[in-house]
Amino acid sequence: VQLVESGGGLVQPGGSMRLSCAASGFTFSSYAMTWYRQAPGKERELVATITSGGTTTHYAGSVKGRFTISRDNAKNTLYLQMNSLKPEDTAVYYCYAPHGGYWGQGTQVTVSS
């Protein structure tokens, strides 16, 4: 199983960024997927989840209305569209497959002017 995140980097406050997570080694379309993040000195926290078919999503209160989780099952790819970014969104973002406890390596997102 591999989960490979991409799309992180440096963005100014108020900006947007889209993260991707390419999945392989399991039947991606059969399982719910999740994004987590971990800021320096803080515990890892759930950001958003999406069901296998993409019809139901759930967000942490801190990102609701600003972030959108989605997936393309034909491409075995999970996405996180992040808008109106704030400095407190700075963290390493991880892709997670709950059914098997699989984690990606993470991608750094830094929101700073």
C-alpha atoms as a PDB file:
ATOM      1  CA  VAL A   1       0.000   0.000   0.000  1.00  0.00           C
ATOM      2  CA  GLN A   2       1.217   3.479  -0.863  1.00  0.00           C
ATOM      3  CA  LEU A   3      -0.268   6.869  -0.141  1.00  0.00           C
ATOM      4  CA  VAL A   4       1.700   9.717  -1.680  1.00  0.00           C
ATOM      5  CA  GLU A   5       0.732  13.293  -0.886  1.00  0.00           C
ATOM      6  CA  SER A   6       1.657  16.279  -3.039  1.00  0.00           C
ATOM      7  CA  GLY A   7       0.751  19.921  -3.485  1.00  0.00           C
ATOM      8  CA  GLY A   8       2.075  21.434  -0.283  1.00  0.00           C
ATOM      9  CA  GLY A   9       4.237  24.535  -0.033  1.00  0.00           C
ATOM     10  CA  LEU A  10       4.202  28.154   1.064  1.00  0.00           C
ATOM     11  CA  VAL A  11       1.097  30.300   0.620  1.00  0.00           C
ATOM     12  CA  GLN A  12       0.079  33.722   1.865  1.00  0.00           C
ATOM     13  CA  PRO A  13      -2.785  34.171   4.308  1.00  0.00           C
ATOM     14  CA  GLY A  14      -6.066  34.229   2.436  1.00  0.00           C
ATOM     15  CA  GLY A  15      -4.651  32.125  -0.356  1.00  0.00           C
ATOM     16  CA  SER A  16      -5.644  28.723  -1.679  1.00  0.00           C
ATOM     17  CA  MET A  17      -3.923  25.396  -2.158  1.00  0.00           C
ATOM     18  CA  ARG A  18      -4.953  21.919  -3.304  1.00  0.00           C
ATOM     19  CA  LEU A  19      -3.409  18.782  -1.872  1.00  0.00           C
ATOM     20  CA  SER A  20      -3.506  15.441  -3.641  1.00  0.00           C
ATOM     21  CA  CYS A  21      -3.003  11.918  -2.356  1.00  0.00           C
ATOM     22  CA  ALA A  22      -2.284   9.183  -4.885  1.00  0.00           C
ATOM     23  CA  ALA A  23      -3.275   5.765  -3.559  1.00  0.00           C
ATOM     24  CA  SER A  24      -2.115   2.332  -4.693  1.00  0.00           C
ATOM     25  CA  GLY A  25      -2.051  -1.231  -3.412  1.00  0.00           C
ATOM     26  CA  PHE A  26      -5.690  -1.472  -2.393  1.00  0.00           C
ATOM     27  CA  THR A  27      -9.124  -0.986  -3.927  1.00  0.00           C
ATOM     28  CA  PHE A  28      -9.331   2.753  -3.374  1.00  0.00           C
ATOM     29  CA  SER A  29     -12.968   3.064  -4.419  1.00  0.00           C
ATOM     30  CA  SER A  30     -14.107   0.672  -1.674  1.00  0.00           C
ATOM     31  CA  TYR A  31     -12.930   2.649   1.341  1.00  0.00           C
ATOM     32  CA  ALA A  32     -13.444   5.891   3.180  1.00  0.00           C
ATOM     33  CA  MET A  33     -10.458   8.215   3.290  1.00  0.00           C
ATOM     34  CA  THR A  34      -9.294  10.924   5.665  1.00  0.00           C
ATOM     35  CA  TRP A  35      -6.993  13.933   5.837  1.00  0.00           C
ATOM     36  CA  TYR A  36      -5.163  14.676   9.080  1.00  0.00           C
ATOM     37  CA  ARG A  37      -2.736  17.422   9.985  1.00  0.00           C
ATOM     38  CA  GLN A  38      -0.114  17.988  12.648  1.00  0.00           C
ATOM     39  CA  ALA A  39       1.150  21.418  13.591  1.00  0.00           C
ATOM     40  CA  PRO A  40       4.485  21.891  15.392  1.00  0.00           C
ATOM     41  CA  GLY A  41       4.175  20.957  19.046  1.00  0.00           C
ATOM     42  CA  LYS A  42       0.583  19.761  18.661  1.00  0.00           C
ATOM     43  CA  GLU A  43      -1.148  16.423  18.336  1.00  0.00           C
ATOM     44  CA  ARG A  44      -2.253  15.117  14.982  1.00  0.00           C
ATOM     45  CA  GLU A  45      -5.853  16.160  14.294  1.00  0.00           C
ATOM     46  CA  LEU A  46      -8.519  15.022  11.880  1.00  0.00           C
ATOM     47  CA  VAL A  47      -9.246  17.561   9.150  1.00  0.00           C
ATOM     48  CA  ALA A  48     -11.834  15.879   6.910  1.00  0.00           C
ATOM     49  CA  THR A  49     -13.230  12.502   5.927  1.00  0.00           C
ATOM     50  CA  ILE A  50     -15.058  11.225   2.865  1.00  0.00           C
ATOM     51  CA  THR A  51     -16.984   8.022   2.238  1.00  0.00           C
ATOM     52  CA  SER A  52     -15.980   5.528  -0.421  1.00  0.00           C
ATOM     53  CA  GLY A  53     -18.367   6.888  -3.011  1.00  0.00           C
ATOM     54  CA  GLY A  54     -17.710  10.495  -2.118  1.00  0.00           C
ATOM     55  CA  THR A  55     -21.298  11.246  -1.198  1.00  0.00           C
ATOM     56  CA  THR A  56     -20.753  12.056   2.480  1.00  0.00           C
ATOM     57  CA  THR A  57     -18.090  14.269   4.023  1.00  0.00           C
ATOM     58  CA  HIS A  58     -17.216  15.469   7.501  1.00  0.00           C
ATOM     59  CA  TYR A  59     -15.027  18.386   8.552  1.00  0.00           C
ATOM     60  CA  ALA A  60     -13.336  19.641  11.671  1.00  0.00           C
ATOM     61  CA  GLY A  61     -14.969  22.805  12.913  1.00  0.00           C
ATOM     62  CA  SER A  62     -11.799  24.793  12.350  1.00  0.00           C
ATOM     63  CA  VAL A  63     -11.844  24.161   8.580  1.00  0.00           C
ATOM     64  CA  LYS A  64     -15.547  23.840   7.805  1.00  0.00           C
ATOM     65  CA  GLY A  65     -16.586  26.218   5.065  1.00  0.00           C
ATOM     66  CA  ARG A  66     -12.991  26.747   3.934  1.00  0.00           C
ATOM     67  CA  PHE A  67     -11.749  23.250   3.031  1.00  0.00           C
ATOM     68  CA  THR A  68     -13.305  20.715   0.672  1.00  0.00           C
ATOM     69  CA  ILE A  69     -12.414  17.030   0.582  1.00  0.00           C
ATOM     70  CA  SER A  70     -13.101  15.129  -2.627  1.00  0.00           C
ATOM     71  CA  ARG A  71     -11.960  12.054  -4.508  1.00  0.00           C
ATOM     72  CA  ASP A  72     -11.616  10.704  -8.019  1.00  0.00           C
ATOM     73  CA  ASN A  73     -12.023   6.939  -7.780  1.00  0.00           C
ATOM     74  CA  ALA A  74     -11.112   6.501 -11.451  1.00  0.00           C
ATOM     75  CA  LYS A  75      -7.717   8.061 -10.687  1.00  0.00           C
ATOM     76  CA  ASN A  76      -7.302   6.542  -7.195  1.00  0.00           C
ATOM     77  CA  THR A  77      -6.727  10.038  -5.880  1.00  0.00           C
ATOM     78  CA  LEU A  78      -7.915  11.946  -2.827  1.00  0.00           C
ATOM     79  CA  TYR A  79      -7.957  15.758  -2.753  1.00  0.00           C
ATOM     80  CA  LEU A  80      -8.142  18.552  -0.214  1.00  0.00           C
ATOM     81  CA  GLN A  81      -8.994  21.998  -1.566  1.00  0.00           C
ATOM     82  CA  MET A  82      -8.021  24.619   0.991  1.00  0.00           C
ATOM     83  CA  ASN A  83      -9.294  28.187   0.654  1.00  0.00           C
ATOM     84  CA  SER A  84      -9.016  31.269   2.851  1.00  0.00           C
ATOM     85  CA  LEU A  85      -5.923  29.827   4.456  1.00  0.00           C
ATOM     86  CA  LYS A  86      -4.817  31.111   7.843  1.00  0.00           C
ATOM     87  CA  PRO A  87      -1.431  30.959   9.594  1.00  0.00           C
ATOM     88  CA  GLU A  88      -2.942  28.453  12.030  1.00  0.00           C
ATOM     89  CA  ASP A  89      -3.472  26.054   9.121  1.00  0.00           C
ATOM     90  CA  THR A  90       0.300  25.618   8.970  1.00  0.00           C
ATOM     91  CA  ALA A  91       1.003  21.918   9.495  1.00  0.00           C
ATOM     92  CA  VAL A  92       2.108  18.702   7.887  1.00  0.00           C
ATOM     93  CA  TYR A  93      -0.936  17.236   6.134  1.00  0.00           C
ATOM     94  CA  TYR A  94      -1.347  13.472   5.961  1.00  0.00           C
ATOM     95  CA  CYS A  95      -3.515  11.209   3.880  1.00  0.00           C
ATOM     96  CA  TYR A  96      -4.947   8.279   5.903  1.00  0.00           C
ATOM     97  CA  ALA A  97      -6.776   5.091   4.949  1.00  0.00           C
ATOM     98  CA  PRO A  98      -8.686   4.037   8.098  1.00  0.00           C
ATOM     99  CA  HIS A  99      -9.578   0.532   6.955  1.00  0.00           C
ATOM    100  CA  GLY A 100      -5.949  -0.565   7.093  1.00  0.00           C
ATOM    101  CA  GLY A 101      -4.328   2.124   9.211  1.00  0.00           C
ATOM    102  CA  TYR A 102      -2.228   3.319   6.285  1.00  0.00           C
ATOM    103  CA  TRP A 103      -0.542   6.726   6.377  1.00  0.00           C
ATOM    104  CA  GLY A 104       1.129   8.808   3.719  1.00  0.00           C
ATOM    105  CA  GLN A 105       4.472  10.490   4.336  1.00  0.00           C
ATOM    106  CA  GLY A 106       2.882  13.925   4.697  1.00  0.00           C
ATOM    107  CA  THR A 107       3.230  17.216   2.880  1.00  0.00           C
ATOM    108  CA  GLN A 108       4.145  20.519   4.535  1.00  0.00           C
ATOM    109  CA  VAL A 109       1.753  23.438   4.228  1.00  0.00           C
ATOM    110  CA  THR A 110       3.014  26.797   5.467  1.00  0.00           C
ATOM    111  CA  VAL A 111       0.736  29.829   5.570  1.00  0.00           C
ATOM    112  CA  SER A 112       2.778  32.965   6.046  1.00  0.00           C
ATOM    113  CA  SER A 113       3.299  36.417   4.610  1.00  0.00           C
END
